[in-house]
Every structure is written in structure tokens, then in C-alpha cells.
C-alpha atoms as a PDB file:
ATOM      1  CA  UNK A   1      20.628 125.904 133.173  1.00  0.00           C
ATOM      2  CA  UNK A   2      18.353 128.864 132.538  1.00  0.00           C
ATOM      3  CA  UNK A   3      19.214 131.253 129.724  1.00  0.00           C
ATOM      4  CA  UNK A   4      18.578 134.977 130.079  1.00  0.00           C
ATOM      5  CA  UNK A   5      16.743 135.963 126.895  1.00  0.00           C
ATOM      6  CA  UNK A   6      16.570 139.626 127.920  1.00  0.00           C
ATOM      7  CA  UNK A   7      20.317 140.249 127.372  1.00  0.00           C
ATOM      8  CA  UNK A   8      20.347 141.821 130.831  1.00  0.00           C
ATOM      9  CA  UNK A   9      18.096 144.636 129.654  1.00  0.00           C
ATOM     10  CA  UNK A  10      15.007 144.007 131.780  1.00  0.00           C
ATOM     11  CA  UNK A  11      13.843 147.099 133.683  1.00  0.00           C
ATOM     12  CA  UNK A  12      16.376 149.331 131.933  1.00  0.00           C
ATOM     13  CA  UNK A  13      15.176 152.746 130.711  1.00  0.00           C
ATOM     14  CA  UNK A  14      15.895 153.885 127.157  1.00  0.00           C
ATOM     15  CA  UNK A  15      15.317 156.830 124.858  1.00  0.00           C
ATOM     16  CA  UNK A  16      15.026 156.010 121.153  1.00  0.00           C
ATOM     17  CA  UNK A  17      15.018 158.927 118.714  1.00  0.00           C
ATOM     18  CA  UNK A  18      13.591 158.553 115.227  1.00  0.00           C
ATOM     19  CA  UNK A  19      11.234 155.991 116.736  1.00  0.00           C
ATOM     20  CA  UNK A  20       8.532 156.355 114.068  1.00  0.00           C
ATOM     21  CA  UNK A  21      10.859 155.209 111.280  1.00  0.00           C
ATOM     22  CA  UNK A  22      11.545 151.637 110.256  1.00  0.00           C
ATOM     23  CA  UNK A  23      14.742 151.065 112.236  1.00  0.00           C
ATOM     24  CA  UNK A  24      13.349 153.070 115.131  1.00  0.00           C
ATOM     25  CA  UNK A  25      10.163 151.022 115.339  1.00  0.00           C
ATOM     26  CA  UNK A  26      12.102 147.774 115.097  1.00  0.00           C
ATOM     27  CA  UNK A  27      14.421 148.927 117.874  1.00  0.00           C
ATOM     28  CA  UNK A  28      11.556 149.972 120.132  1.00  0.00           C
ATOM     29  CA  UNK A  29       9.794 146.636 119.570  1.00  0.00           C
ATOM     30  CA  UNK A  30      12.935 144.640 120.333  1.00  0.00           C
ATOM     31  CA  UNK A  31      13.853 146.615 123.446  1.00  0.00           C
ATOM     32  CA  UNK A  32      10.265 146.293 124.662  1.00  0.00           C
ATOM     33  CA  UNK A  33      10.451 142.525 124.194  1.00  0.00           C
ATOM     34  CA  UNK A  34      13.569 142.546 126.377  1.00  0.00           C
ATOM     35  CA  UNK A  35      11.708 144.334 129.172  1.00  0.00           C
ATOM     36  CA  UNK A  36      13.025 147.855 128.563  1.00  0.00           C
ATOM     37  CA  UNK A  37      10.897 150.902 129.398  1.00  0.00           C
ATOM     38  CA  UNK A  38      11.115 153.409 126.594  1.00  0.00           C
ATOM     39  CA  UNK A  39      10.747 157.056 125.654  1.00  0.00           C
ATOM     40  CA  UNK A  40      10.006 156.896 121.913  1.00  0.00           C
ATOM     41  CA  UNK A  41      10.749 160.223 120.240  1.00  0.00           C
ATOM     42  CA  UNK A  42      10.100 161.469 116.729  1.00  0.00           C
ATOM     43  CA  UNK A  43       9.009 164.626 114.918  1.00  0.00           C
ATOM     44  CA  UNK A  44       6.411 162.464 113.132  1.00  0.00           C
ATOM     45  CA  UNK A  45       3.141 162.377 115.139  1.00  0.00           C
ATOM     46  CA  UNK A  46       2.745 158.722 114.117  1.00  0.00           C
ATOM     47  CA  UNK A  47       5.175 157.913 116.924  1.00  0.00           C
ATOM     48  CA  UNK A  48       2.159 158.191 119.241  1.00  0.00           C
ATOM     49  CA  UNK A  49       0.986 154.843 117.850  1.00  0.00           C
ATOM     50  CA  UNK A  50       3.776 153.217 119.889  1.00  0.00           C
ATOM     51  CA  UNK A  51       2.425 154.410 123.245  1.00  0.00           C
ATOM     52  CA  UNK A  52       1.912 151.634 125.811  1.00  0.00           C
ATOM     53  CA  UNK A  53       0.932 152.491 129.365  1.00  0.00           C
ATOM     54  CA  UNK A  54       3.723 151.652 131.773  1.00  0.00           C
ATOM     55  CA  UNK A  55       6.077 150.572 128.998  1.00  0.00           C
ATOM     56  CA  UNK A  56       6.370 153.211 126.252  1.00  0.00           C
ATOM     57  CA  UNK A  57       5.800 156.945 126.513  1.00  0.00           C
ATOM     58  CA  UNK A  58       6.105 159.058 123.371  1.00  0.00           C
ATOM     59  CA  UNK A  59       7.461 162.503 122.579  1.00  0.00           C
ATOM     60  CA  UNK A  60       6.661 164.405 119.390  1.00  0.00           C
ATOM     61  CA  UNK A  61       9.436 166.938 118.923  1.00  0.00           C
ATOM     62  CA  UNK A  62      12.326 168.110 116.734  1.00  0.00           C
ATOM     63  CA  UNK A  63      15.488 166.163 117.597  1.00  0.00           C
ATOM     64  CA  UNK A  64      17.691 169.088 116.584  1.00  0.00           C
ATOM     65  CA  UNK A  65      16.270 171.422 119.237  1.00  0.00           C
ATOM     66  CA  UNK A  66      18.140 171.756 122.534  1.00  0.00           C
ATOM     67  CA  UNK A  67      14.862 171.866 124.463  1.00  0.00           C
ATOM     68  CA  UNK A  68      13.827 168.524 122.952  1.00  0.00           C
ATOM     69  CA  UNK A  69      16.889 166.734 124.305  1.00  0.00           C
ATOM     70  CA  UNK A  70      16.275 168.129 127.766  1.00  0.00           C
ATOM     71  CA  UNK A  71      12.592 167.225 127.575  1.00  0.00           C
ATOM     72  CA  UNK A  72      13.356 163.646 126.548  1.00  0.00           C
ATOM     73  CA  UNK A  73      15.708 163.071 129.479  1.00  0.00           C
ATOM     74  CA  UNK A  74      13.253 164.716 131.890  1.00  0.00           C
ATOM     75  CA  UNK A  75      10.455 162.499 130.581  1.00  0.00           C
ATOM     76  CA  UNK A  76      12.525 159.341 131.141  1.00  0.00           C
ATOM     77  CA  UNK A  77      13.309 160.408 134.684  1.00  0.00           C
ATOM     78  CA  UNK A  78       9.738 161.404 135.524  1.00  0.00           C
ATOM     79  CA  UNK A  79       8.089 158.361 133.961  1.00  0.00           C
ATOM     80  CA  UNK A  80      10.613 155.638 134.795  1.00  0.00           C
ATOM     81  CA  UNK A  81      12.974 157.059 137.406  1.00  0.00           C
ATOM     82  CA  UNK A  82      16.176 157.314 135.393  1.00  0.00           C
ATOM     83  CA  UNK A  83      17.990 156.697 132.130  1.00  0.00           C
ATOM     84  CA  UNK A  84      20.232 153.776 131.189  1.00  0.00           C
ATOM     85  CA  UNK A  85      20.278 153.741 127.383  1.00  0.00           C
ATOM     86  CA  UNK A  86      20.182 156.318 124.606  1.00  0.00           C
ATOM     87  CA  UNK A  87      19.722 155.277 120.986  1.00  0.00           C
ATOM     88  CA  UNK A  88      20.452 158.161 118.615  1.00  0.00           C
ATOM     89  CA  UNK A  89      18.634 156.856 115.560  1.00  0.00           C
ATOM     90  CA  UNK A  90      16.897 159.941 114.128  1.00  0.00           C
ATOM     91  CA  UNK A  91      18.180 160.838 110.698  1.00  0.00           C
ATOM     92  CA  UNK A  92      17.442 162.381 107.324  1.00  0.00           C
ATOM     93  CA  UNK A  93      19.080 161.760 103.979  1.00  0.00           C
ATOM     94  CA  UNK A  94      19.855 163.917 100.954  1.00  0.00           C
ATOM     95  CA  UNK A  95      20.975 162.634  97.575  1.00  0.00           C
ATOM     96  CA  UNK A  96      22.743 165.604  96.011  1.00  0.00           C
ATOM     97  CA  UNK A  97      26.247 166.425  94.887  1.00  0.00           C
ATOM     98  CA  UNK A  98      28.292 169.096  96.661  1.00  0.00           C
ATOM     99  CA  UNK A  99      27.629 171.646  93.893  1.00  0.00           C
ATOM    100  CA  UNK A 100      23.882 171.032  93.997  1.00  0.00           C
ATOM    101  CA  UNK A 101      23.529 171.149  97.799  1.00  0.00           C
ATOM    102  CA  UNK A 102      22.225 174.433  99.176  1.00  0.00           C
ATOM    103  CA  UNK A 103      23.454 175.890 102.450  1.00  0.00           C
ATOM    104  CA  UNK A 104      19.965 175.405 103.881  1.00  0.00           C
ATOM    105  CA  UNK A 105      19.928 171.715 102.896  1.00  0.00           C
ATOM    106  CA  UNK A 106      23.384 171.218 104.404  1.00  0.00           C
ATOM    107  CA  UNK A 107      22.298 172.841 107.656  1.00  0.00           C
ATOM    108  CA  UNK A 108      19.080 170.797 107.825  1.00  0.00           C
ATOM    109  CA  UNK A 109      20.840 167.440 107.419  1.00  0.00           C
ATOM    110  CA  UNK A 110      23.615 168.298 109.860  1.00  0.00           C
ATOM    111  CA  UNK A 111      21.067 169.644 112.357  1.00  0.00           C
ATOM    112  CA  UNK A 112      19.017 166.453 112.512  1.00  0.00           C
ATOM    113  CA  UNK A 113      21.770 163.868 112.144  1.00  0.00           C
ATOM    114  CA  UNK A 114      24.787 165.366 113.913  1.00  0.00           C
ATOM    115  CA  UNK A 115      23.417 168.154 116.123  1.00  0.00           C
ATOM    116  CA  UNK A 116      20.537 165.968 117.325  1.00  0.00           C
ATOM    117  CA  UNK A 117      22.968 163.208 118.276  1.00  0.00           C
ATOM    118  CA  UNK A 118      25.226 165.676 120.093  1.00  0.00           C
ATOM    119  CA  UNK A 119      22.426 167.354 122.052  1.00  0.00           C
ATOM    120  CA  UNK A 120      20.771 164.134 123.203  1.00  0.00           C
ATOM    121  CA  UNK A 121      24.120 162.579 124.069  1.00  0.00           C
ATOM    122  CA  UNK A 122      25.213 165.629 126.051  1.00  0.00           C
ATOM    123  CA  UNK A 123      22.063 165.647 128.174  1.00  0.00           C
ATOM    124  CA  UNK A 124      22.124 161.866 128.632  1.00  0.00           C
ATOM    125  CA  UNK A 125      25.799 161.861 129.627  1.00  0.00           C
ATOM    126  CA  UNK A 126      25.139 164.352 132.393  1.00  0.00           C
ATOM    127  CA  UNK A 127      22.641 161.938 133.935  1.00  0.00           C
ATOM    128  CA  UNK A 128      24.649 158.796 133.237  1.00  0.00           C
ATOM    129  CA  UNK A 129      27.868 160.250 134.668  1.00  0.00           C
ATOM    130  CA  UNK A 130      26.094 161.068 137.920  1.00  0.00           C
ATOM    131  CA  UNK A 131      24.870 157.485 138.228  1.00  0.00           C
ATOM    132  CA  UNK A 132      28.169 155.991 137.008  1.00  0.00           C
ATOM    133  CA  UNK A 133      26.672 153.797 134.295  1.00  0.00           C
ATOM    134  CA  UNK A 134      24.983 153.938 130.909  1.00  0.00           C
ATOM    135  CA  UNK A 135      25.133 153.042 127.238  1.00  0.00           C
ATOM    136  CA  UNK A 136      24.743 155.179 124.136  1.00  0.00           C
ATOM    137  CA  UNK A 137      24.274 153.665 120.693  1.00  0.00           C
ATOM    138  CA  UNK A 138      24.479 155.927 117.655  1.00  0.00           C
ATOM    139  CA  UNK A 139      23.244 154.989 114.200  1.00  0.00           C
ATOM    140  CA  UNK A 140      25.908 155.966 111.678  1.00  0.00           C
ATOM    141  CA  UNK A 141      26.313 154.537 108.147  1.00  0.00           C
ATOM    142  CA  UNK A 142      28.808 152.960 105.797  1.00  0.00           C
ATOM    143  CA  UNK A 143      29.341 156.480 104.451  1.00  0.00           C
ATOM    144  CA  UNK A 144      30.923 157.317 107.806  1.00  0.00           C
ATOM    145  CA  UNK A 145      34.040 155.595 106.485  1.00  0.00           C
ATOM    146  CA  UNK A 146      33.734 155.356 102.695  1.00  0.00           C
ATOM    147  CA  UNK A 147      32.940 157.849  99.977  1.00  0.00           C
ATOM    148  CA  UNK A 148      29.722 157.702  97.994  1.00  0.00           C
ATOM    149  CA  UNK A 149      28.886 160.201  95.256  1.00  0.00           C
ATOM    150  CA  UNK A 150      25.760 162.243  95.834  1.00  0.00           C
ATOM    151  CA  UNK A 151      25.791 162.057  99.635  1.00  0.00           C
ATOM    152  CA  UNK A 152      27.774 165.165 100.608  1.00  0.00           C
ATOM    153  CA  UNK A 153      25.698 166.421 103.554  1.00  0.00           C
ATOM    154  CA  UNK A 154      24.548 162.981 104.666  1.00  0.00           C
ATOM    155  CA  UNK A 155      28.061 161.515 104.636  1.00  0.00           C
ATOM    156  CA  UNK A 156      29.455 164.508 106.507  1.00  0.00           C
ATOM    157  CA  UNK A 157      26.787 164.141 109.191  1.00  0.00           C
ATOM    158  CA  UNK A 158      27.381 160.417 109.607  1.00  0.00           C
ATOM    159  CA  UNK A 159      31.143 160.915 109.699  1.00  0.00           C
ATOM    160  CA  UNK A 160      30.584 163.419 112.490  1.00  0.00           C
ATOM    161  CA  UNK A 161      28.556 160.830 114.408  1.00  0.00           C
ATOM    162  CA  UNK A 162      31.334 158.238 114.060  1.00  0.00           C
ATOM    163  CA  UNK A 163      33.946 160.639 115.427  1.00  0.00           C
ATOM    164  CA  UNK A 164      31.677 161.932 118.204  1.00  0.00           C
ATOM    165  CA  UNK A 165      31.154 158.322 119.255  1.00  0.00           C
ATOM    166  CA  UNK A 166      34.889 157.821 119.770  1.00  0.00           C
ATOM    167  CA  UNK A 167      35.351 161.071 121.671  1.00  0.00           C
ATOM    168  CA  UNK A 168      32.472 160.366 124.049  1.00  0.00           C
ATOM    169  CA  UNK A 169      33.728 156.839 124.672  1.00  0.00           C
ATOM    170  CA  UNK A 170      37.120 158.239 125.710  1.00  0.00           C
ATOM    171  CA  UNK A 171      35.692 161.021 127.832  1.00  0.00           C
ATOM    172  CA  UNK A 172      33.179 158.895 129.755  1.00  0.00           C
ATOM    173  CA  UNK A 173      34.691 155.412 129.950  1.00  0.00           C
ATOM    174  CA  UNK A 174      35.878 156.131 133.492  1.00  0.00           C
ATOM    175  CA  UNK A 175      32.224 156.665 134.447  1.00  0.00           C
ATOM    176  CA  UNK A 176      31.312 153.161 133.227  1.00  0.00           C
ATOM    177  CA  UNK A 177      29.509 154.609 130.211  1.00  0.00           C
ATOM    178  CA  UNK A 178      29.898 152.838 126.895  1.00  0.00           C
ATOM    179  CA  UNK A 179      29.397 154.692 123.612  1.00  0.00           C
ATOM    180  CA  UNK A 180      29.252 152.821 120.313  1.00  0.00           C
ATOM    181  CA  UNK A 181      27.860 153.216 116.819  1.00  0.00           C
ATOM    182  CA  UNK A 182      26.385 150.844 114.287  1.00  0.00           C
ATOM    183  CA  UNK A 183      27.107 151.521 110.622  1.00  0.00           C
ATOM    184  CA  UNK A 184      24.420 149.923 108.448  1.00  0.00           C
ATOM    185  CA  UNK A 185      24.784 149.267 104.771  1.00  0.00           C
ATOM    186  CA  UNK A 186      21.657 149.810 102.707  1.00  0.00           C
ATOM    187  CA  UNK A 187      18.500 149.010 104.684  1.00  0.00           C
ATOM    188  CA  UNK A 188      15.081 148.460 103.160  1.00  0.00           C
ATOM    189  CA  UNK A 189      13.155 151.365 104.694  1.00  0.00           C
ATOM    190  CA  UNK A 190      10.953 154.293 103.735  1.00  0.00           C
ATOM    191  CA  UNK A 191      13.741 156.864 104.151  1.00  0.00           C
ATOM    192  CA  UNK A 192      13.498 157.844 100.471  1.00  0.00           C
ATOM    193  CA  UNK A 193       9.744 158.487 100.605  1.00  0.00           C
ATOM    194  CA  UNK A 194       9.061 161.715  98.737  1.00  0.00           C
ATOM    195  CA  UNK A 195      12.325 161.380  96.844  1.00  0.00           C
ATOM    196  CA  UNK A 196      11.573 158.284  94.745  1.00  0.00           C
ATOM    197  CA  UNK A 197       8.304 156.559  93.864  1.00  0.00           C
ATOM    198  CA  UNK A 198       8.993 153.401  95.909  1.00  0.00           C
ATOM    199  CA  UNK A 199      11.625 153.793  98.620  1.00  0.00           C
ATOM    200  CA  UNK A 200      11.727 150.160  99.710  1.00  0.00           C
ATOM    201  CA  UNK A 201      11.932 148.738  96.194  1.00  0.00           C
ATOM    202  CA  UNK A 202      14.621 151.255  95.237  1.00  0.00           C
ATOM    203  CA  UNK A 203      16.753 150.423  98.252  1.00  0.00           C
ATOM    204  CA  UNK A 204      16.247 146.677  97.833  1.00  0.00           C
ATOM    205  CA  UNK A 205      17.770 147.097  94.380  1.00  0.00           C
ATOM    206  CA  UNK A 206      21.165 147.822  95.946  1.00  0.00           C
ATOM    207  CA  UNK A 207      21.574 144.259  97.184  1.00  0.00           C
ATOM    208  CA  UNK A 208      24.264 143.513  94.608  1.00  0.00           C
ATOM    209  CA  UNK A 209      26.622 145.976  96.328  1.00  0.00           C
ATOM    210  CA  UNK A 210      26.740 143.796  99.448  1.00  0.00           C
ATOM    211  CA  UNK A 211      28.711 140.573  99.811  1.00  0.00           C
ATOM    212  CA  UNK A 212      25.562 138.830 101.045  1.00  0.00           C
ATOM    213  CA  UNK A 213      23.739 139.808  97.859  1.00  0.00           C
ATOM    214  CA  UNK A 214      20.892 141.622  99.601  1.00  0.00           C
ATOM    215  CA  UNK A 215      20.160 144.696 101.693  1.00  0.00           C
ATOM    216  CA  UNK A 216      19.343 144.628 105.408  1.00  0.00           C
ATOM    217  CA  UNK A 217      15.943 144.536 107.058  1.00  0.00           C
ATOM    218  CA  UNK A 218      15.320 147.042 109.890  1.00  0.00           C
ATOM    219  CA  UNK A 219      15.151 144.268 112.491  1.00  0.00           C
ATOM    220  CA  UNK A 220      18.690 143.165 111.662  1.00  0.00           C
ATOM    221  CA  UNK A 221      20.016 146.607 112.567  1.00  0.00           C
ATOM    222  CA  UNK A 222      17.849 146.682 115.688  1.00  0.00           C
ATOM    223  CA  UNK A 223      19.492 143.412 116.800  1.00  0.00           C
ATOM    224  CA  UNK A 224      22.915 145.069 116.721  1.00  0.00           C
ATOM    225  CA  UNK A 225      21.636 148.171 118.516  1.00  0.00           C
ATOM    226  CA  UNK A 226      20.093 146.080 121.310  1.00  0.00           C
ATOM    227  CA  UNK A 227      23.282 144.060 121.736  1.00  0.00           C
ATOM    228  CA  UNK A 228      25.452 147.177 121.956  1.00  0.00           C
ATOM    229  CA  UNK A 229      23.054 148.643 124.528  1.00  0.00           C
ATOM    230  CA  UNK A 230      23.121 145.491 126.643  1.00  0.00           C
ATOM    231  CA  UNK A 231      25.574 144.215 129.280  1.00  0.00           C
ATOM    232  CA  UNK A 232      26.473 141.482 126.769  1.00  0.00           C
ATOM    233  CA  UNK A 233      28.653 144.142 125.098  1.00  0.00           C
ATOM    234  CA  UNK A 234      30.217 145.161 128.412  1.00  0.00           C
ATOM    235  CA  UNK A 235      33.772 145.515 127.045  1.00  0.00           C
ATOM    236  CA  UNK A 236      32.811 147.196 123.774  1.00  0.00           C
ATOM    237  CA  UNK A 237      33.122 150.979 123.599  1.00  0.00           C
ATOM    238  CA  UNK A 238      34.269 153.501 121.037  1.00  0.00           C
ATOM    239  CA  UNK A 239      33.491 150.984 118.299  1.00  0.00           C
ATOM    240  CA  UNK A 240      31.912 151.443 114.885  1.00  0.00           C
ATOM    241  CA  UNK A 241      30.200 148.132 114.170  1.00  0.00           C
ATOM    242  CA  UNK A 242      29.784 147.536 110.454  1.00  0.00           C
ATOM    243  CA  UNK A 243      26.376 145.911 109.995  1.00  0.00           C
ATOM    244  CA  UNK A 244      26.706 146.218 106.251  1.00  0.00           C
ATOM    245  CA  UNK A 245      26.405 142.754 104.725  1.00  0.00           C
ATOM    246  CA  UNK A 246      30.020 143.005 103.582  1.00  0.00           C
ATOM    247  CA  UNK A 247      29.576 146.332 101.780  1.00  0.00           C
ATOM    248  CA  UNK A 248      32.822 147.833 103.105  1.00  0.00           C
ATOM    249  CA  UNK A 249      34.781 144.595 102.731  1.00  0.00           C
ATOM    250  CA  UNK A 250      35.419 145.737  99.155  1.00  0.00           C
END
């Protein structure tokens, strides 16, 4: 008996936002290995390093801009003939209390994390509804469901993503479109670059907060994203999958 190692993803077309970051790159690499054709989007010009003729086309743009969402969908259609999967991964963090968070900082975090997810999902849903199939995977966080001091804007944005996920799943289930979110615990990435001296070492130090005694690697989150995007998760929609090493089990 042959085993399909592509999870039914071969020849699918996906958009991955935040593709230049650690989780984004891991997701792009995994989807590519499964035979997916990809639009890799990021505001960081380093996303161009992912370009592969016939397999990955890149877009350098601001995820929070309405024109960017429309451009990403248009690019997928022009390059690959359609759109099957959207991964809303782009995100920024801010480690400040409510009292110390400026209105500008609040707006910036909500714009990238929540507004960017909304805009890309809206444009993708219009295409997916017309073709009566599709999958959207949003990257939320454990702070979508629990409180954590010093994460006011970030937690609010991720909570918005979790709720938007449920609403879209209800609104578009009849069109055979599944919408889910993955909620990582702490992941060893460079997201704190410019905030602390060593982002990866700092984040790795939070392992004790997880039941498994360690933080996640980007590829472990990418595995969950790919599964949710695949036909293997055909009866999963409106779900918030806790990929948190047992963080929220407390």
C-alpha cells in the first residue's frame, strides 16, 4: 500500500504572510516539500531569498495595507491559476503594560496582527467562496485565551484573531471553506530582535513554563499549520489548536 506523504497538498496554491520570519520560513519550506506552490509575503526584503522559479514567488509589502492583500491574491491567481490556502502568519509583538503602551504602538500591533489577518482573509474568502473550497490557517497565540502581564496590545490582537477565526468558519463552512487557528506557546525565534540582546536564548529560557519543559521550534508549529491546511483535517474548522507544549494545561 502506497502512503501519500504530501498530505493531499500537491499542486495546491498557498499564500503565506510573514514568510521571512522563523515560523514563516519553516511553513514555506514544509509546504514546498509537500508540492504546494506559494506566494511568500513579508515586509522584510529578505523574503526574496525564498524565490524559486515555478514554485515560490515573493511579495515585499505591508500586510496591514488593503492593497497588499489584493495584490497577494492577484499574484497567486496570475502565477498559479488560483488560491487554495491562506496562512496568516505575519505578526509583531510588544512587551509593555497597558499604562506604558502608546496609542501609536497599540495601532501598529493591531494593524499588523489583526487588520492584516482580516484583510487577507476577506480577499481570500471572496476567491475561495466562488470556487467552493479553501482553507485558512491563522497563527494566534496562547495569549488568545490566557492573560499574560506586559502583552496588552499583542494579546488583544491575538484574541481578535481567535474570534475572527470562529466567525469566518461559521460564515463560510457552507462553501466548503475551513478556517482554523494554531495557538503556539513560546517558540524559539527572532521575534524579540531589537528588544533584547539575544531573542532566541531569551525565549528558550521560558521552557520551564511548558509541561514538556522546553519551548517549541518553528518547524513544530509549521507541522500543525500544514496539517490544518491539508485535506487530512477535512472535518476540522473553527478550531483553536493549542500547540503550546502544555502551557495552557495549567
